[in-house]
C-alpha atoms as a PDB file:
ATOM      1  CA  MET A   1      79.380  95.824  94.088  1.00  0.00           C
ATOM      2  CA  GLY A   2      82.565  94.913  92.233  1.00  0.00           C
ATOM      3  CA  GLU A   3      84.487  91.649  92.170  1.00  0.00           C
ATOM      4  CA  ARG A   4      84.253  89.783  95.445  1.00  0.00           C
ATOM      5  CA  ALA A   5      87.378  89.088  97.472  1.00  0.00           C
ATOM      6  CA  ARG A   6      88.350  85.400  97.463  1.00  0.00           C
ATOM      7  CA  CYS A   7      89.328  84.448 101.014  1.00  0.00           C
ATOM      8  CA  VAL A   8      90.238  81.413 103.105  1.00  0.00           C
ATOM      9  CA  ILE A   9      89.863  81.250 106.883  1.00  0.00           C
ATOM     10  CA  VAL A  10      92.587  79.616 108.958  1.00  0.00           C
ATOM     11  CA  ASP A  11      91.305  79.078 112.502  1.00  0.00           C
ATOM     12  CA  ARG A  12      90.982  76.036 114.731  1.00  0.00           C
ATOM     13  CA  SER A  13      87.444  76.858 115.956  1.00  0.00           C
ATOM     14  CA  GLU A  14      84.602  75.371 113.896  1.00  0.00           C
ATOM     15  CA  TRP A  15      82.140  77.647 115.688  1.00  0.00           C
ATOM     16  CA  PHE A  16      84.148  80.750 114.828  1.00  0.00           C
ATOM     17  CA  ARG A  17      84.633  79.747 111.192  1.00  0.00           C
ATOM     18  CA  GLU A  18      80.904  79.109 110.853  1.00  0.00           C
ATOM     19  CA  LEU A  19      80.130  82.513 112.355  1.00  0.00           C
ATOM     20  CA  LEU A  20      82.437  84.291 109.918  1.00  0.00           C
ATOM     21  CA  ARG A  21      81.121  82.212 107.051  1.00  0.00           C
ATOM     22  CA  GLY A  22      77.626  83.518 107.635  1.00  0.00           C
ATOM     23  CA  GLU A  23      78.625  87.144 108.160  1.00  0.00           C
ATOM     24  CA  LEU A  24      81.296  87.777 105.521  1.00  0.00           C
ATOM     25  CA  GLU A  25      79.475  86.335 102.503  1.00  0.00           C
ATOM     26  CA  GLY A  26      77.115  89.311 102.437  1.00  0.00           C
ATOM     27  CA  LEU A  27      79.886  91.896 102.703  1.00  0.00           C
ATOM     28  CA  GLY A  28      81.797  91.448  99.457  1.00  0.00           C
ATOM     29  CA  VAL A  29      83.796  88.393 100.531  1.00  0.00           C
ATOM     30  CA  GLU A  30      83.691  84.965  98.892  1.00  0.00           C
ATOM     31  CA  LEU A  31      84.930  82.235 101.229  1.00  0.00           C
ATOM     32  CA  VAL A  32      86.629  79.650  99.045  1.00  0.00           C
ATOM     33  CA  GLY A  33      88.188  77.411 101.687  1.00  0.00           C
ATOM     34  CA  GLU A  34      88.970  76.784 105.339  1.00  0.00           C
ATOM     35  CA  ALA A  35      91.798  75.253 107.342  1.00  0.00           C
ATOM     36  CA  VAL A  36      92.194  74.445 111.020  1.00  0.00           C
ATOM     37  CA  SER A  37      95.985  74.894 111.106  1.00  0.00           C
ATOM     38  CA  LEU A  38      98.813  76.442 109.130  1.00  0.00           C
ATOM     39  CA  ALA A  39      99.935  72.968 108.081  1.00  0.00           C
ATOM     40  CA  ASP A  40      96.513  72.290 106.539  1.00  0.00           C
ATOM     41  CA  ALA A  41      96.440  75.756 104.961  1.00  0.00           C
ATOM     42  CA  ARG A  42      99.202  75.006 102.449  1.00  0.00           C
ATOM     43  CA  GLU A  43      97.053  72.616 100.408  1.00  0.00           C
ATOM     44  CA  VAL A  44      94.099  75.016 100.541  1.00  0.00           C
ATOM     45  CA  LEU A  45      96.175  77.934  99.260  1.00  0.00           C
ATOM     46  CA  VAL A  46      97.544  75.955  96.321  1.00  0.00           C
ATOM     47  CA  SER A  47      94.234  74.344  95.346  1.00  0.00           C
ATOM     48  CA  ARG A  48      91.828  77.246  95.944  1.00  0.00           C
ATOM     49  CA  LYS A  49      94.129  80.178  95.060  1.00  0.00           C
ATOM     50  CA  PRO A  50      92.568  82.759  97.415  1.00  0.00           C
ATOM     51  CA  GLU A  51      93.488  86.417  97.240  1.00  0.00           C
ATOM     52  CA  VAL A  52      93.428  86.749 101.031  1.00  0.00           C
ATOM     53  CA  ALA A  53      94.149  84.416 103.946  1.00  0.00           C
ATOM     54  CA  LEU A  54      92.451  85.345 107.209  1.00  0.00           C
ATOM     55  CA  VAL A  55      94.590  83.976 110.053  1.00  0.00           C
ATOM     56  CA  THR A  56      94.292  84.198 113.831  1.00  0.00           C
ATOM     57  CA  PRO A  57      97.765  84.930 115.283  1.00  0.00           C
ATOM     58  CA  GLU A  58      97.114  82.491 118.132  1.00  0.00           C
ATOM     59  CA  LEU A  59      97.977  79.746 115.648  1.00  0.00           C
ATOM     60  CA  ASP A  60     101.461  81.157 115.194  1.00  0.00           C
ATOM     61  CA  GLU A  61     102.285  83.877 117.681  1.00  0.00           C
ATOM     62  CA  ARG A  62     105.794  84.641 116.415  1.00  0.00           C
ATOM     63  CA  GLY A  63     104.982  84.541 112.725  1.00  0.00           C
ATOM     64  CA  GLU A  64     107.530  81.899 111.744  1.00  0.00           C
ATOM     65  CA  GLY A  65     104.934  79.355 110.585  1.00  0.00           C
ATOM     66  CA  VAL A  66     103.135  81.866 108.365  1.00  0.00           C
ATOM     67  CA  ARG A  67     106.414  82.983 106.852  1.00  0.00           C
ATOM     68  CA  ARG A  68     107.340  79.388 106.015  1.00  0.00           C
ATOM     69  CA  LEU A  69     103.847  78.758 104.674  1.00  0.00           C
ATOM     70  CA  LEU A  70     103.923  81.670 102.242  1.00  0.00           C
ATOM     71  CA  SER A  71     107.512  81.004 101.185  1.00  0.00           C
ATOM     72  CA  GLY A  72     106.415  77.534 100.136  1.00  0.00           C
ATOM     73  CA  VAL A  73     103.813  78.638  97.574  1.00  0.00           C
ATOM     74  CA  GLY A  74     104.276  80.176  94.154  1.00  0.00           C
ATOM     75  CA  PRO A  75     103.829  83.896  93.395  1.00  0.00           C
ATOM     76  CA  ALA A  76     100.386  83.439  91.845  1.00  0.00           C
ATOM     77  CA  GLU A  77      99.150  81.471  94.875  1.00  0.00           C
ATOM     78  CA  CYS A  78     100.645  83.771  97.525  1.00  0.00           C
ATOM     79  CA  PRO A  79      97.732  85.542  99.260  1.00  0.00           C
ATOM     80  CA  THR A  80      97.711  88.752 101.208  1.00  0.00           C
ATOM     81  CA  LEU A  81      97.396  88.146 104.950  1.00  0.00           C
ATOM     82  CA  VAL A  82      94.770  89.629 107.207  1.00  0.00           C
ATOM     83  CA  LEU A  83      95.458  88.828 110.846  1.00  0.00           C
ATOM     84  CA  LEU A  84      92.532  88.822 113.251  1.00  0.00           C
ATOM     85  CA  GLY A  85      93.294  89.583 116.887  1.00  0.00           C
ATOM     86  CA  GLN A  86      96.345  90.798 118.753  1.00  0.00           C
ATOM     87  CA  PHE A  87      99.871  89.430 118.751  1.00  0.00           C
ATOM     88  CA  ARG A  88     101.076  87.999 122.017  1.00  0.00           C
ATOM     89  CA  ALA A  89     104.670  88.407 120.827  1.00  0.00           C
ATOM     90  CA  PRO A  90     105.719  91.886 119.595  1.00  0.00           C
ATOM     91  CA  THR A  91     108.124  90.431 117.020  1.00  0.00           C
ATOM     92  CA  GLY A  92     105.382  88.749 115.024  1.00  0.00           C
ATOM     93  CA  PHE A  93     104.124  91.763 113.091  1.00  0.00           C
ATOM     94  CA  LYS A  94     107.635  92.727 112.015  1.00  0.00           C
ATOM     95  CA  ILE A  95     108.436  89.197 110.879  1.00  0.00           C
ATOM     96  CA  LEU A  96     105.268  89.010 108.789  1.00  0.00           C
ATOM     97  CA  GLY A  97     106.287  92.118 106.886  1.00  0.00           C
ATOM     98  CA  GLY A  98     103.440  94.580 107.275  1.00  0.00           C
ATOM     99  CA  CYS A  99     100.349  92.415 106.863  1.00  0.00           C
ATOM    100  CA  ARG A 100      96.936  93.892 107.603  1.00  0.00           C
ATOM    101  CA  ARG A 101      95.689  93.454 111.135  1.00  0.00           C
ATOM    102  CA  VAL A 102      92.158  93.759 112.543  1.00  0.00           C
ATOM    103  CA  GLY A 103      91.158  93.595 116.216  1.00  0.00           C
ATOM    104  CA  LYS A 104      88.368  91.203 117.160  1.00  0.00           C
ATOM    105  CA  ALA A 105      86.520  94.119 118.766  1.00  0.00           C
ATOM    106  CA  ASP A 106      86.482  96.049 115.472  1.00  0.00           C
ATOM    107  CA  GLY A 107      83.549  94.033 114.171  1.00  0.00           C
ATOM    108  CA  VAL A 108      82.767  91.994 111.087  1.00  0.00           C
ATOM    109  CA  ARG A 109      82.237  95.001 108.796  1.00  0.00           C
ATOM    110  CA  ALA A 110      85.695  96.326 109.555  1.00  0.00           C
ATOM    111  CA  LEU A 111      87.117  92.853 108.963  1.00  0.00           C
ATOM    112  CA  ALA A 112      85.303  92.528 105.628  1.00  0.00           C
ATOM    113  CA  GLY A 113      86.563  95.969 104.607  1.00  0.00           C
ATOM    114  CA  GLU A 114      90.155  94.950 105.275  1.00  0.00           C
ATOM    115  CA  ILE A 115      89.733  91.706 103.332  1.00  0.00           C
ATOM    116  CA  VAL A 116      88.256  93.521 100.319  1.00  0.00           C
ATOM    117  CA  ALA A 117      90.986  96.190 100.430  1.00  0.00           C
ATOM    118  CA  ALA A 118      93.684  93.505 100.713  1.00  0.00           C
ATOM    119  CA  ALA A 119      92.270  91.673  97.682  1.00  0.00           C
ATOM    120  CA  GLU A 120      92.199  94.857  95.601  1.00  0.00           C
ATOM    121  CA  GLU A 121      95.785  95.630  96.573  1.00  0.00           C
ATOM    122  CA  ARG A 122      96.894  92.155  95.511  1.00  0.00           C
ATOM    123  CA  ARG A 123      95.096  92.441  92.158  1.00  0.00           C
ATOM    124  CA  GLU A 124      96.890  95.730  91.561  1.00  0.00           C
ATOM    125  CA  LEU A 125     100.248  94.090  92.233  1.00  0.00           C
ATOM    126  CA  LEU A 126      99.528  91.109  89.980  1.00  0.00           C
ATOM    127  CA  ARG A 127      98.402  93.393  87.154  1.00  0.00           C
ATOM    128  CA  ALA A 128     101.696  95.244  87.441  1.00  0.00           C
ATOM    129  CA  VAL A 129     103.754  92.055  87.437  1.00  0.00           C
ATOM    130  CA  SER A 130     101.810  90.581  84.512  1.00  0.00           C
ATOM    131  CA  GLY A 131     102.571  93.629  82.349  1.00  0.00           C
ATOM    132  CA  GLU A 132      99.115  95.153  81.987  1.00  0.00           C
ATOM    133  CA  TYR A 133     100.316  98.687  82.825  1.00  0.00           C
ATOM    134  CA  ARG A 134     102.332 101.276  80.977  1.00  0.00           C
ATOM    135  CA  GLN A 135     105.991 101.202  81.942  1.00  0.00           C
ATOM    136  CA  GLU A 136     106.078 104.125  84.378  1.00  0.00           C
ATOM    137  CA  ARG A 137     102.907 103.005  86.121  1.00  0.00           C
ATOM    138  CA  THR A 138     104.251  99.460  86.353  1.00  0.00           C
ATOM    139  CA  ALA A 139     107.516 100.727  87.833  1.00  0.00           C
ATOM    140  CA  ASP A 140     105.672 102.843  90.380  1.00  0.00           C
ATOM    141  CA  ALA A 141     103.402  99.933  91.358  1.00  0.00           C
ATOM    142  CA  LEU A 142     106.364  97.597  91.888  1.00  0.00           C
ATOM    143  CA  LEU A 143     108.330 100.147  93.902  1.00  0.00           C
ATOM    144  CA  HIS A 144     105.265 100.889  96.024  1.00  0.00           C
ATOM    145  CA  ALA A 145     104.755  97.182  96.724  1.00  0.00           C
ATOM    146  CA  LEU A 146     108.361  96.945  97.929  1.00  0.00           C
ATOM    147  CA  VAL A 147     108.053 100.143 100.031  1.00  0.00           C
ATOM    148  CA  LEU A 148     110.614 101.829  97.762  1.00  0.00           C
ATOM    149  CA  ASP A 149     108.540 104.893  96.935  1.00  0.00           C
ATOM    150  CA  GLY A 150     109.142 106.919 100.091  1.00  0.00           C
ATOM    151  CA  ASN A 151     110.999 110.148 100.769  1.00  0.00           C
ATOM    152  CA  GLN A 152     114.445 108.588 100.910  1.00  0.00           C
ATOM    153  CA  THR A 153     116.843 109.976  98.319  1.00  0.00           C
ATOM    154  CA  GLY A 154     117.725 106.449  97.295  1.00  0.00           C
ATOM    155  CA  CYS A 155     114.102 105.762  96.284  1.00  0.00           C
ATOM    156  CA  ALA A 156     114.178 108.629  93.777  1.00  0.00           C
ATOM    157  CA  TYR A 157     117.552 107.471  92.460  1.00  0.00           C
ATOM    158  CA  LEU A 158     116.262 103.907  92.158  1.00  0.00           C
ATOM    159  CA  ARG A 159     113.158 104.922  90.184  1.00  0.00           C
ATOM    160  CA  HIS A 160     115.277 106.906  87.726  1.00  0.00           C
ATOM    161  CA  ALA A 161     117.805 104.082  87.394  1.00  0.00           C
ATOM    162  CA  LEU A 162     115.048 101.511  86.919  1.00  0.00           C
ATOM    163  CA  LEU A 163     113.411 103.399  84.044  1.00  0.00           C
ATOM    164  CA  ALA A 164     116.843 104.027  82.501  1.00  0.00           C
ATOM    165  CA  ALA A 165     117.552 100.288  82.724  1.00  0.00           C
ATOM    166  CA  VAL A 166     114.256  99.554  80.952  1.00  0.00           C
ATOM    167  CA  ARG A 167     115.253 101.884  78.105  1.00  0.00           C
ATOM    168  CA  GLU A 168     118.711 100.326  77.825  1.00  0.00           C
ATOM    169  CA  SER A 169     117.262  96.798  77.850  1.00  0.00           C
ATOM    170  CA  ASP A 170     119.897  94.055  78.170  1.00  0.00           C
ATOM    171  CA  ARG A 171     122.828  96.452  77.735  1.00  0.00           C
ATOM    172  CA  VAL A 172     122.486  97.996  81.171  1.00  0.00           C
ATOM    173  CA  ARG A 173     125.669  98.180  83.246  1.00  0.00           C
ATOM    174  CA  ALA A 174     126.042  99.438  86.792  1.00  0.00           C
ATOM    175  CA  LYS A 175     128.699 102.063  86.037  1.00  0.00           C
ATOM    176  CA  GLU A 176     126.770 103.682  83.193  1.00  0.00           C
ATOM    177  CA  LEU A 177     123.502 103.487  85.107  1.00  0.00           C
ATOM    178  CA  TYR A 178     124.903 105.178  88.210  1.00  0.00           C
ATOM    179  CA  THR A 179     126.634 107.819  86.081  1.00  0.00           C
ATOM    180  CA  GLU A 180     123.467 108.681  84.156  1.00  0.00           C
ATOM    181  CA  THR A 181     121.422 108.873  87.343  1.00  0.00           C
ATOM    182  CA  ALA A 182     124.079 111.010  89.052  1.00  0.00           C
ATOM    183  CA  GLU A 183     124.082 113.495  86.178  1.00  0.00           C
ATOM    184  CA  SER A 184     120.298 113.829  86.361  1.00  0.00           C
ATOM    185  CA  PHE A 185     120.423 114.600  90.085  1.00  0.00           C
ATOM    186  CA  SER A 186     123.674 116.636  90.041  1.00  0.00           C
ATOM    187  CA  THR A 187     125.497 114.261  92.352  1.00  0.00           C
ATOM    188  CA  SER A 188     128.178 111.565  92.128  1.00  0.00           C
ATOM    189  CA  PRO A 189     127.841 107.921  90.990  1.00  0.00           C
ATOM    190  CA  SER A 190     129.094 106.751  94.381  1.00  0.00           C
ATOM    191  CA  ASP A 191     126.351 108.790  96.095  1.00  0.00           C
ATOM    192  CA  VAL A 192     123.757 107.166  93.835  1.00  0.00           C
ATOM    193  CA  GLU A 193     125.048 103.651  94.555  1.00  0.00           C
ATOM    194  CA  ARG A 194     125.238 104.261  98.300  1.00  0.00           C
ATOM    195  CA  ASN A 195     121.761 105.792  98.617  1.00  0.00           C
ATOM    196  CA  ILE A 196     120.098 103.088  96.517  1.00  0.00           C
ATOM    197  CA  ARG A 197     121.839 100.404  98.561  1.00  0.00           C
ATOM    198  CA  PHE A 198     120.640 101.986 101.812  1.00  0.00           C
ATOM    199  CA  ALA A 199     117.056 102.337 100.536  1.00  0.00           C
ATOM    200  CA  VAL A 200     116.954  98.736  99.326  1.00  0.00           C
ATOM    201  CA  SER A 201     118.458  97.291 102.503  1.00  0.00           C
ATOM    202  CA  THR A 202     116.053  99.190 104.780  1.00  0.00           C
ATOM    203  CA  CYS A 203     112.800  99.322 102.788  1.00  0.00           C
ATOM    204  CA  VAL A 204     112.529  95.879 101.200  1.00  0.00           C
ATOM    205  CA  LYS A 205     112.770  94.205 104.611  1.00  0.00           C
ATOM    206  CA  SER A 206     109.583  95.998 105.690  1.00  0.00           C
ATOM    207  CA  ALA A 207     107.625  95.200 102.527  1.00  0.00           C
ATOM    208  CA  PRO A 208     104.739  92.715 102.907  1.00  0.00           C
ATOM    209  CA  ILE A 209     106.024  89.190 102.482  1.00  0.00           C
ATOM    210  CA  ASN A 210     103.436  88.384  99.783  1.00  0.00           C
ATOM    211  CA  SER A 211     104.694  91.345  97.713  1.00  0.00           C
ATOM    212  CA  ARG A 212     108.288  90.183  98.050  1.00  0.00           C
ATOM    213  CA  ILE A 213     107.393  86.657  96.941  1.00  0.00           C
ATOM    214  CA  VAL A 214     105.321  87.791  93.937  1.00  0.00           C
ATOM    215  CA  ILE A 215     108.017  90.182  92.689  1.00  0.00           C
ATOM    216  CA  LEU A 216     111.310  88.697  93.863  1.00  0.00           C
ATOM    217  CA  GLY A 217     110.549  85.023  94.440  1.00  0.00           C
ATOM    218  CA  SER A 218     110.647  83.092  97.694  1.00  0.00           C
ATOM    219  CA  GLY A 219     114.401  83.098  98.327  1.00  0.00           C
ATOM    220  CA  GLY A 220     114.029  85.531 101.195  1.00  0.00           C
ATOM    221  CA  ALA A 221     117.322  87.424 100.838  1.00  0.00           C
ATOM    222  CA  VAL A 222     117.310  91.165 100.154  1.00  0.00           C
ATOM    223  CA  PRO A 223     118.778  91.615  96.635  1.00  0.00           C
ATOM    224  CA  GLY A 224     121.699  93.846  95.735  1.00  0.00           C
ATOM    225  CA  ASN A 225     121.209  97.050  93.754  1.00  0.00           C
ATOM    226  CA  MET A 226     121.744  95.694  90.269  1.00  0.00           C
ATOM    227  CA  GLU A 227     120.034  92.381  90.959  1.00  0.00           C
ATOM    228  CA  LEU A 228     116.911  94.277  92.008  1.00  0.00           C
ATOM    229  CA  ILE A 229     117.098  96.755  89.128  1.00  0.00           C
ATOM    230  CA  ARG A 230     117.500  93.981  86.544  1.00  0.00           C
ATOM    231  CA  THR A 231     114.625  91.977  88.045  1.00  0.00           C
ATOM    232  CA  LEU A 232     112.274  94.965  88.075  1.00  0.00           C
ATOM    233  CA  ALA A 233     113.429  96.164  84.650  1.00  0.00           C
ATOM    234  CA  GLY A 234     112.658  92.735  83.220  1.00  0.00           C
ATOM    235  CA  ILE A 235     109.090  92.945  84.568  1.00  0.00           C
ATOM    236  CA  VAL A 236     108.542  96.581  83.516  1.00  0.00           C
ATOM    237  CA  GLY A 237     109.985  95.972  80.080  1.00  0.00           C
ATOM    238  CA  GLY A 238     107.943  92.825  79.535  1.00  0.00           C
ATOM    239  CA  ARG A 239     111.024  90.605  79.269  1.00  0.00           C
ATOM    240  CA  ALA A 240     110.267  88.589  82.408  1.00  0.00           C
ATOM    241  CA  ARG A 241     107.055  87.615  84.142  1.00  0.00           C
ATOM    242  CA  ARG A 242     106.813  85.664  87.367  1.00  0.00           C
ATOM    243  CA  VAL A 243     103.050  85.142  87.285  1.00  0.00           C
END
């Protein structure tokens, strides 16, 4: 078995935490901390640095507390969320930005599998941000984490513009970048700008909140085209690291 997934449990029930403690340890999960509330979880996340936080949505049915909790920690301490149980409010899952969810009836093995998969996904993201990949692979990993690798035309334009910005280093300008991308796709610079803007405004909002914090910081606002391109180009080109 490979590296174990470092996880904290956030649940108010001592009995339930003890049950999970006994079951998950033998399924590739290392429990490194516990908390009985989201308020208590902040200190645990900062001190124990788990890869995954297992949270029961009953603690925070609309997701606002979890969002504030994760926005308050640094990129390196921001875990991936695995939510156990069902939301009582349909807005919660959207607010939390695509976190993994497991039903209580799915069983402990399914839960452990989601925790391990979430930890591996987070490691992949952190390796990309820390510059351990080749440039194209790093770019693809970052765009995937921000849900900007789909079939939208703007995603293809953005990838091309991002790699062009990496090559141009600090000299990159919006006009030249849009023009170069437009020539490669036989379209107009205004079409490139418009499609990238649409892709960014629609896709980044649905990206997991932990991915947004690790890559873009905890400000919360969706960046503009060039702000995003310069941020990602700095990471891909090794000129900026957030972790």
